[in-house]
Structures are given as C-alpha cells and as structure tokens.
C-alpha cells in the first residue's frame, strides 16, 4: 500500500528552524542564545458558522497575551521571560522563551468584531463567527470535438 504524506509549508519551515537552531546551539553554544522571536505553532479550523484558531503558548502568563486585528490579519503576541536562578549557568537551553508572535490571515466572512479568546493548559483558543461564501459549481461546456490545424505566420 502506497502512503502519501502532505506537507504543511509552515510545519516544514518550523521543523527546519528547530533543527537548524538545535544544530547551531550544539555547535556554537552560547554564541547563539535561544531568546528571540518565537513563532508558535497554530491550528486553524473552519466549522459551520465558526472559525477556531489554537496556538501553543506554553508557560506564558495569560495576562501578557495580546491579540490584535488589523484588516483581515489577527496577530497573537505573548512573552515568556528567561528565568534562571541567580548565579546559574546553562549547560543546555532548549525551552522557548522571548517574544511569541504569529499572524494569521482570516478568511473573508470572519466577523472580527466578535472574536473571543480563552487560554488554558498552554493553549490559546480564539473563536470568531464565520459565514464564508459557498462554492458554486460552474459547468464546463464541451466543444464539438473538431480539431483545427494551427498555421504559422510568415
């Protein structure tokens, strides 16, 4: 049985970034600190009448989560500070910290005035009423089947 796997381009880049950062961290250690802008993984689901967006924001203070909408762009921003005991030296740092930021393009038909959000267990759930347009099937006309020869201009 032949199995096929479809790749989400965001997931592919996230894996590349994680693997490359891990390689640099193991090779160059403290020269490349892990504190930077972190792109949290998200899921965007569309159901009848609602758009649901889930973002992983582990260890983030829910009071520090900021959501903004400009046009059809929803931006999720949060911060998790690096917390180490006084005088401690990192031997390995793999936990994400710094600014978490992700922008999601909302599809046409999303009611941005009625967006709600809830944070629980490291997951931010964002809900918005959604009334998308329905697909319309367009009939394709079939020609007579007659083939015409093409001639080149001189």
N, C-alpha and C. Protein backbone atom coordinates (compact mmCIF):
# COMPACT_ATOMS: atom_id res chain seq x y z
N UNK A 1 0.84 -1.17 0.00
CA UNK A 1 0.00 0.00 0.00
C UNK A 1 0.89 1.24 0.00
N UNK A 2 0.66 2.11 -0.92
CA UNK A 2 1.44 3.34 -1.04
C UNK A 2 0.82 4.41 -0.17
N UNK A 3 1.62 4.95 0.75
CA UNK A 3 1.11 6.01 1.63
C UNK A 3 1.70 7.33 1.17
N UNK A 4 0.88 8.33 1.12
CA UNK A 4 1.37 9.65 0.78
C UNK A 4 1.22 10.56 1.98
N UNK A 5 2.10 11.51 2.07
CA UNK A 5 2.05 12.46 3.17
C UNK A 5 2.08 13.85 2.59
N UNK A 6 1.14 14.64 2.98
CA UNK A 6 1.14 16.03 2.53
C UNK A 6 1.87 16.86 3.57
N UNK A 7 2.62 17.82 3.11
CA UNK A 7 3.41 18.66 3.99
C UNK A 7 2.80 20.04 4.07
N UNK A 8 2.59 20.50 5.26
CA UNK A 8 2.18 21.86 5.51
C UNK A 8 3.46 22.70 5.46
N UNK A 9 3.48 23.73 4.63
CA UNK A 9 4.71 24.52 4.45
C UNK A 9 5.15 25.17 5.75
N UNK A 10 4.18 25.61 6.59
CA UNK A 10 4.54 26.18 7.89
C UNK A 10 5.23 25.15 8.76
N UNK A 11 4.70 23.93 8.78
CA UNK A 11 5.29 22.87 9.58
C UNK A 11 6.69 22.53 9.08
N UNK A 12 6.88 22.51 7.78
CA UNK A 12 8.19 22.22 7.22
C UNK A 12 9.22 23.27 7.65
N UNK A 13 8.85 24.54 7.56
CA UNK A 13 9.78 25.60 7.97
C UNK A 13 10.02 25.59 9.47
N UNK A 14 8.98 25.27 10.26
CA UNK A 14 9.14 25.19 11.71
C UNK A 14 10.14 24.10 12.07
N UNK A 15 10.03 22.95 11.40
CA UNK A 15 10.97 21.86 11.66
C UNK A 15 12.39 22.24 11.24
N UNK A 16 12.51 22.90 10.08
CA UNK A 16 13.82 23.33 9.61
C UNK A 16 14.44 24.30 10.61
N UNK A 17 13.64 25.29 11.07
CA UNK A 17 14.15 26.27 12.02
C UNK A 17 14.58 25.60 13.32
N UNK A 18 13.74 24.66 13.82
CA UNK A 18 14.07 23.97 15.06
C UNK A 18 15.35 23.15 14.91
N UNK A 19 15.47 22.40 13.82
CA UNK A 19 16.65 21.57 13.61
C UNK A 19 17.90 22.41 13.41
N UNK A 20 17.78 23.49 12.65
CA UNK A 20 18.93 24.36 12.40
C UNK A 20 19.38 25.05 13.69
N UNK A 21 18.40 25.52 14.48
CA UNK A 21 18.72 26.16 15.75
C UNK A 21 19.37 25.16 16.69
N UNK A 22 18.88 23.93 16.70
CA UNK A 22 19.47 22.90 17.55
C UNK A 22 20.90 22.62 17.12
N UNK A 23 21.14 22.54 15.82
CA UNK A 23 22.49 22.31 15.32
C UNK A 23 23.42 23.45 15.73
N UNK A 24 22.98 24.68 15.55
CA UNK A 24 23.80 25.83 15.94
C UNK A 24 24.05 25.83 17.44
N UNK A 25 23.01 25.53 18.21
CA UNK A 25 23.15 25.51 19.67
C UNK A 25 24.14 24.47 20.13
N UNK A 26 24.11 23.30 19.52
CA UNK A 26 25.05 22.25 19.90
C UNK A 26 26.46 22.57 19.43
N UNK A 27 26.58 23.24 18.28
CA UNK A 27 27.89 23.52 17.71
C UNK A 27 28.54 24.75 18.34
N UNK A 28 27.74 25.82 18.50
CA UNK A 28 28.32 27.09 18.94
C UNK A 28 27.89 27.53 20.33
N UNK A 29 27.00 26.75 20.96
CA UNK A 29 26.61 27.01 22.34
C UNK A 29 26.07 28.40 22.59
N UNK A 30 26.70 29.11 23.49
CA UNK A 30 26.21 30.40 23.96
C UNK A 30 26.34 31.52 22.92
N UNK A 31 26.98 31.29 21.80
CA UNK A 31 27.10 32.32 20.77
C UNK A 31 25.74 32.64 20.15
N UNK A 32 24.85 31.67 20.16
CA UNK A 32 23.52 31.84 19.58
C UNK A 32 22.46 31.59 20.65
N UNK A 33 22.19 32.56 21.51
CA UNK A 33 21.20 32.33 22.56
C UNK A 33 19.81 32.09 21.96
N UNK A 34 19.01 31.31 22.68
CA UNK A 34 17.69 30.92 22.18
C UNK A 34 16.66 32.03 22.30
N UNK A 35 16.97 33.13 23.01
CA UNK A 35 15.99 34.20 23.19
C UNK A 35 15.85 35.01 21.91
N UNK A 36 14.66 35.02 21.38
CA UNK A 36 14.39 35.72 20.13
C UNK A 36 12.89 35.68 19.92
N UNK A 37 12.47 35.98 18.72
CA UNK A 37 11.06 35.89 18.39
C UNK A 37 10.74 34.43 18.08
N UNK A 38 9.74 33.89 18.75
CA UNK A 38 9.34 32.50 18.57
C UNK A 38 8.01 32.49 17.82
N UNK A 39 7.92 31.65 16.79
CA UNK A 39 6.69 31.52 16.02
C UNK A 39 5.95 30.29 16.56
N UNK A 40 4.88 30.53 17.34
CA UNK A 40 4.19 29.38 17.92
C UNK A 40 3.40 28.61 16.87
N UNK A 41 3.32 27.29 17.02
CA UNK A 41 2.50 26.50 16.09
C UNK A 41 1.02 26.80 16.31
N UNK A 42 0.27 26.81 15.22
CA UNK A 42 -1.16 27.08 15.29
C UNK A 42 -1.94 26.05 14.47
N UNK A 43 -3.22 25.93 14.82
CA UNK A 43 -4.18 25.18 14.03
C UNK A 43 -5.31 26.14 13.71
N UNK A 44 -5.79 26.11 12.49
CA UNK A 44 -6.93 26.93 12.11
C UNK A 44 -7.98 25.98 11.55
N UNK A 45 -9.15 25.98 12.20
CA UNK A 45 -10.24 25.09 11.79
C UNK A 45 -11.45 25.92 11.43
N UNK A 46 -12.14 25.49 10.41
CA UNK A 46 -13.36 26.16 9.98
C UNK A 46 -14.51 25.18 10.14
N UNK A 47 -15.52 25.59 10.88
CA UNK A 47 -16.71 24.77 11.04
C UNK A 47 -17.89 25.58 10.53
N UNK A 48 -19.05 24.99 10.56
CA UNK A 48 -20.25 25.69 10.14
C UNK A 48 -20.50 26.85 11.09
N UNK A 49 -20.28 28.06 10.63
CA UNK A 49 -20.57 29.24 11.42
C UNK A 49 -19.48 29.74 12.34
N UNK A 50 -18.31 29.05 12.39
CA UNK A 50 -17.27 29.47 13.32
C UNK A 50 -15.87 29.16 12.80
N UNK A 51 -14.95 30.04 13.13
CA UNK A 51 -13.53 29.84 12.85
C UNK A 51 -12.86 29.62 14.20
N UNK A 52 -12.04 28.58 14.33
CA UNK A 52 -11.35 28.26 15.57
C UNK A 52 -9.85 28.25 15.30
N UNK A 53 -9.12 29.03 16.09
CA UNK A 53 -7.66 29.09 15.97
C UNK A 53 -7.09 28.66 17.31
N UNK A 54 -6.17 27.71 17.29
CA UNK A 54 -5.48 27.25 18.50
C UNK A 54 -4.00 27.54 18.34
N UNK A 55 -3.42 28.16 19.36
CA UNK A 55 -1.98 28.45 19.34
C UNK A 55 -1.33 27.89 20.61
N UNK A 56 -0.17 27.25 20.44
CA UNK A 56 0.57 26.74 21.60
C UNK A 56 1.41 27.87 22.19
N UNK A 57 1.11 28.20 23.44
CA UNK A 57 1.87 29.23 24.16
C UNK A 57 2.21 28.70 25.56
N UNK A 58 3.04 27.65 25.65
CA UNK A 58 3.31 27.04 26.95
C UNK A 58 4.09 27.98 27.86
N UNK A 59 3.68 27.99 29.13
CA UNK A 59 4.40 28.75 30.14
C UNK A 59 4.23 30.26 30.06
N UNK A 60 3.30 30.72 29.24
CA UNK A 60 3.08 32.16 29.08
C UNK A 60 2.04 32.62 30.09
N UNK A 61 2.26 33.77 30.70
CA UNK A 61 1.28 34.35 31.60
C UNK A 61 0.10 34.84 30.76
N UNK A 62 -1.11 34.30 30.98
CA UNK A 62 -2.27 34.70 30.17
C UNK A 62 -2.54 36.20 30.21
N UNK A 63 -2.14 36.87 31.28
CA UNK A 63 -2.32 38.32 31.39
C UNK A 63 -1.45 39.07 30.39
N UNK A 64 -0.39 38.41 29.90
CA UNK A 64 0.55 39.05 28.98
C UNK A 64 0.26 38.74 27.51
N UNK A 65 -0.81 37.98 27.24
CA UNK A 65 -1.17 37.64 25.86
C UNK A 65 -1.89 38.84 25.24
N UNK A 66 -1.46 39.21 24.04
CA UNK A 66 -2.06 40.35 23.33
C UNK A 66 -2.56 39.88 21.97
N UNK A 67 -3.83 40.16 21.70
CA UNK A 67 -4.43 39.85 20.40
C UNK A 67 -4.84 41.15 19.74
N UNK A 68 -4.48 41.30 18.47
CA UNK A 68 -4.89 42.48 17.71
C UNK A 68 -5.38 42.05 16.34
N UNK A 69 -6.34 42.80 15.82
CA UNK A 69 -6.86 42.55 14.48
C UNK A 69 -6.71 43.84 13.70
N UNK A 70 -6.08 43.72 12.54
CA UNK A 70 -5.97 44.85 11.62
C UNK A 70 -6.35 44.34 10.24
N UNK A 71 -7.49 44.83 9.74
CA UNK A 71 -7.99 44.32 8.46
C UNK A 71 -8.37 42.86 8.64
N UNK A 72 -7.75 41.98 7.85
CA UNK A 72 -8.03 40.55 7.97
C UNK A 72 -6.87 39.80 8.63
N UNK A 73 -5.99 40.52 9.33
CA UNK A 73 -4.84 39.90 9.99
C UNK A 73 -5.03 39.87 11.50
N UNK A 74 -4.99 38.68 12.08
CA UNK A 74 -5.05 38.50 13.52
C UNK A 74 -3.64 38.23 13.99
N UNK A 75 -3.15 39.05 14.91
CA UNK A 75 -1.80 38.86 15.44
C UNK A 75 -1.87 38.44 16.90
N UNK A 76 -1.15 37.36 17.19
CA UNK A 76 -1.05 36.83 18.55
C UNK A 76 0.35 37.18 19.04
N UNK A 77 0.43 37.81 20.21
CA UNK A 77 1.73 38.20 20.74
C UNK A 77 1.74 37.90 22.24
N UNK A 78 2.82 37.30 22.71
CA UNK A 78 2.98 37.00 24.13
C UNK A 78 4.48 36.94 24.43
N UNK A 79 4.79 36.90 25.70
CA UNK A 79 6.21 36.85 26.07
C UNK A 79 6.41 35.89 27.22
N UNK A 80 7.48 35.12 27.14
CA UNK A 80 7.90 34.27 28.26
C UNK A 80 9.34 34.60 28.55
N UNK A 81 9.59 35.09 29.74
CA UNK A 81 10.93 35.53 30.12
C UNK A 81 11.79 34.35 30.52
N UNK A 82 13.07 34.51 30.27
CA UNK A 82 14.06 33.52 30.69
C UNK A 82 14.26 33.67 32.19
N UNK A 83 13.98 32.60 32.92
CA UNK A 83 14.10 32.65 34.36
C UNK A 83 15.10 31.60 34.82
N UNK A 84 16.23 32.08 35.31
CA UNK A 84 17.25 31.17 35.83
C UNK A 84 17.62 31.65 37.23
N UNK A 85 17.92 30.71 38.11
CA UNK A 85 18.34 31.10 39.46
C UNK A 85 19.62 31.95 39.41
N UNK A 86 19.75 32.83 40.37
CA UNK A 86 20.92 33.70 40.47
C UNK A 86 22.19 32.85 40.48
N UNK A 87 23.11 33.19 39.60
CA UNK A 87 24.40 32.51 39.54
C UNK A 87 24.41 31.21 38.77
N UNK A 88 23.27 30.79 38.23
CA UNK A 88 23.20 29.53 37.48
C UNK A 88 23.77 29.72 36.08
N UNK A 89 24.42 28.67 35.57
CA UNK A 89 24.97 28.69 34.22
C UNK A 89 24.27 27.60 33.41
N UNK A 90 23.74 27.98 32.26
CA UNK A 90 23.07 27.00 31.41
C UNK A 90 24.10 26.07 30.77
N UNK A 91 23.85 24.80 30.83
CA UNK A 91 24.63 23.82 30.09
C UNK A 91 23.93 23.46 28.80
N UNK A 92 22.62 23.60 28.80
CA UNK A 92 21.80 23.36 27.60
C UNK A 92 20.52 24.16 27.75
N UNK A 93 20.11 24.86 26.68
CA UNK A 93 18.87 25.64 26.69
C UNK A 93 18.05 25.25 25.47
N UNK A 94 16.92 24.59 25.69
CA UNK A 94 16.06 24.18 24.59
C UNK A 94 14.65 24.74 24.72
N UNK A 95 14.29 25.21 25.90
CA UNK A 95 12.95 25.75 26.10
C UNK A 95 12.83 27.09 25.40
N UNK A 96 11.71 27.30 24.72
CA UNK A 96 11.48 28.54 24.01
C UNK A 96 11.16 29.65 25.00
N UNK A 97 11.78 30.78 24.80
CA UNK A 97 11.48 31.95 25.60
C UNK A 97 11.72 33.18 24.74
N UNK A 98 11.21 34.29 25.20
CA UNK A 98 11.29 35.51 24.41
C UNK A 98 9.89 35.90 23.98
N UNK A 99 9.79 36.55 22.84
CA UNK A 99 8.51 37.01 22.32
C UNK A 99 7.92 35.97 21.38
N UNK A 100 6.72 35.53 21.70
CA UNK A 100 5.97 34.63 20.83
C UNK A 100 5.10 35.52 19.95
N UNK A 101 5.18 35.33 18.64
CA UNK A 101 4.37 36.16 17.74
C UNK A 101 3.98 35.37 16.51
N UNK A 102 2.70 35.50 16.15
CA UNK A 102 2.19 34.80 14.97
C UNK A 102 1.05 35.62 14.39
N UNK A 103 1.03 35.77 13.09
CA UNK A 103 -0.07 36.44 12.39
C UNK A 103 -0.79 35.42 11.54
N UNK A 104 -2.12 35.43 11.67
CA UNK A 104 -2.97 34.51 10.92
C UNK A 104 -3.87 35.36 10.02
N UNK A 105 -3.91 35.02 8.74
CA UNK A 105 -4.80 35.71 7.80
C UNK A 105 -6.19 35.11 7.97
N UNK A 106 -7.15 35.95 8.31
CA UNK A 106 -8.53 35.49 8.49
C UNK A 106 -9.25 35.46 7.15
N UNK A 107 -9.99 34.40 6.86
CA UNK A 107 -10.69 34.33 5.58
C UNK A 107 -11.84 35.33 5.51
N UNK A 108 -12.20 35.67 4.30
CA UNK A 108 -13.33 36.57 4.08
C UNK A 108 -14.57 35.95 4.71
N UNK A 109 -15.36 36.76 5.38
CA UNK A 109 -16.56 36.27 6.04
C UNK A 109 -16.38 36.08 7.54
N UNK A 110 -15.18 36.42 8.07
CA UNK A 110 -14.93 36.33 9.50
C UNK A 110 -15.39 37.62 10.16
N UNK A 111 -16.18 37.51 11.21
CA UNK A 111 -16.66 38.69 11.94
C UNK A 111 -15.63 39.06 12.99
N UNK A 112 -14.75 40.00 12.66
CA UNK A 112 -13.64 40.38 13.55
C UNK A 112 -14.12 41.17 14.77
N UNK A 113 -15.34 41.67 14.74
CA UNK A 113 -15.88 42.42 15.88
C UNK A 113 -16.30 41.51 17.04
N UNK A 114 -16.47 40.22 16.76
CA UNK A 114 -16.99 39.30 17.78
C UNK A 114 -16.00 38.19 18.12
N UNK A 115 -14.71 38.46 18.00
CA UNK A 115 -13.69 37.46 18.32
C UNK A 115 -13.60 37.31 19.84
N UNK A 116 -13.49 36.05 20.30
CA UNK A 116 -13.28 35.78 21.72
C UNK A 116 -12.07 34.87 21.87
N UNK A 117 -11.44 34.91 23.05
CA UNK A 117 -10.24 34.10 23.27
C UNK A 117 -10.25 33.54 24.69
N UNK A 118 -9.64 32.35 24.82
CA UNK A 118 -9.54 31.68 26.12
C UNK A 118 -8.19 30.95 26.17
N UNK A 119 -7.49 31.07 27.31
CA UNK A 119 -6.20 30.42 27.50
C UNK A 119 -6.33 29.38 28.59
N UNK A 120 -5.93 28.14 28.28
CA UNK A 120 -5.97 27.07 29.27
C UNK A 120 -4.95 26.00 28.91
N UNK A 121 -4.18 25.59 29.89
CA UNK A 121 -3.22 24.50 29.71
C UNK A 121 -2.19 24.76 28.63
N UNK A 122 -1.77 26.02 28.45
CA UNK A 122 -0.76 26.34 27.46
C UNK A 122 -1.29 26.52 26.04
N UNK A 123 -2.60 26.40 25.87
CA UNK A 123 -3.21 26.55 24.56
C UNK A 123 -4.13 27.77 24.56
N UNK A 124 -3.94 28.64 23.59
CA UNK A 124 -4.81 29.79 23.40
C UNK A 124 -5.82 29.42 22.33
N UNK A 125 -7.11 29.48 22.67
CA UNK A 125 -8.18 29.20 21.70
C UNK A 125 -8.87 30.51 21.36
N UNK A 126 -8.94 30.79 20.07
CA UNK A 126 -9.57 32.00 19.57
C UNK A 126 -10.74 31.57 18.71
N UNK A 127 -11.91 32.16 18.96
CA UNK A 127 -13.11 31.81 18.21
C UNK A 127 -13.68 33.07 17.57
N UNK A 128 -14.15 32.92 16.34
CA UNK A 128 -14.77 34.05 15.63
C UNK A 128 -15.93 33.52 14.80
N UNK A 129 -17.05 34.24 14.82
CA UNK A 129 -18.15 33.86 13.94
C UNK A 129 -17.68 33.93 12.48
N UNK A 130 -18.10 32.96 11.70
CA UNK A 130 -17.63 32.87 10.31
C UNK A 130 -18.80 32.49 9.40
N UNK A 131 -19.01 33.29 8.41
CA UNK A 131 -20.01 32.99 7.38
C UNK A 131 -19.32 33.11 6.02
N UNK A 132 -18.62 32.06 5.65
CA UNK A 132 -17.89 32.08 4.39
C UNK A 132 -18.80 31.91 3.20
N UNK A 133 -18.25 32.23 2.07
CA UNK A 133 -19.03 32.05 0.84
C UNK A 133 -19.05 30.58 0.47
N UNK A 134 -20.12 30.17 -0.16
CA UNK A 134 -20.25 28.77 -0.58
C UNK A 134 -19.70 28.61 -1.99
N UNK A 135 -19.08 27.46 -2.23
CA UNK A 135 -18.55 27.17 -3.55
C UNK A 135 -19.70 26.93 -4.53
N UNK A 136 -19.55 27.46 -5.71
CA UNK A 136 -20.56 27.30 -6.75
C UNK A 136 -19.94 26.49 -7.88
N UNK A 137 -20.61 25.45 -8.28
CA UNK A 137 -20.09 24.62 -9.37
C UNK A 137 -20.42 25.30 -10.69
N UNK A 138 -19.41 25.41 -11.54
CA UNK A 138 -19.55 26.05 -12.84
C UNK A 138 -19.48 24.96 -13.91
N UNK A 139 -20.52 24.85 -14.72
CA UNK A 139 -20.50 23.81 -15.76
C UNK A 139 -19.46 24.15 -16.83
N UNK A 140 -18.82 23.12 -17.33
CA UNK A 140 -17.83 23.29 -18.39
C UNK A 140 -18.47 22.83 -19.70
N UNK A 141 -18.46 23.72 -20.66
CA UNK A 141 -19.05 23.42 -21.95
C UNK A 141 -18.07 22.58 -22.77
N UNK A 142 -18.59 21.57 -23.42
CA UNK A 142 -17.75 20.68 -24.22
C UNK A 142 -17.89 21.08 -25.68
N UNK A 143 -16.74 21.25 -26.33
CA UNK A 143 -16.73 21.64 -27.74
C UNK A 143 -17.21 20.51 -28.64
N UNK A 144 -17.20 20.78 -29.93
CA UNK A 144 -17.71 19.82 -30.90
C UNK A 144 -16.74 18.65 -31.12
N UNK A 145 -15.54 18.77 -30.63
CA UNK A 145 -14.57 17.70 -30.83
C UNK A 145 -13.76 17.89 -32.10
N UNK A 146 -14.06 18.91 -32.85
CA UNK A 146 -13.35 19.17 -34.11
C UNK A 146 -12.01 19.82 -33.80
N UNK A 147 -10.95 19.32 -34.41
CA UNK A 147 -9.62 19.88 -34.20
C UNK A 147 -9.24 20.73 -35.39
N UNK A 148 -8.70 21.89 -35.08
CA UNK A 148 -8.28 22.79 -36.15
C UNK A 148 -6.75 22.83 -36.16
N UNK A 149 -6.20 22.82 -37.36
CA UNK A 149 -4.74 22.89 -37.50
C UNK A 149 -4.30 24.34 -37.34
N UNK A 150 -3.18 24.51 -36.64
CA UNK A 150 -2.62 25.85 -36.47
C UNK A 150 -1.61 26.10 -37.57
N UNK A 151 -1.58 27.29 -38.07
CA UNK A 151 -0.60 27.64 -39.11
C UNK A 151 0.25 28.78 -38.59
N UNK A 152 1.51 28.76 -38.95
CA UNK A 152 2.44 29.80 -38.52
C UNK A 152 2.38 30.96 -39.46
N UNK A 153 2.50 32.17 -38.91
CA UNK A 153 2.53 33.36 -39.74
C UNK A 153 3.90 33.50 -40.37
N UNK A 154 3.91 33.98 -41.63
CA UNK A 154 5.17 34.11 -42.35
C UNK A 154 5.83 35.43 -42.11
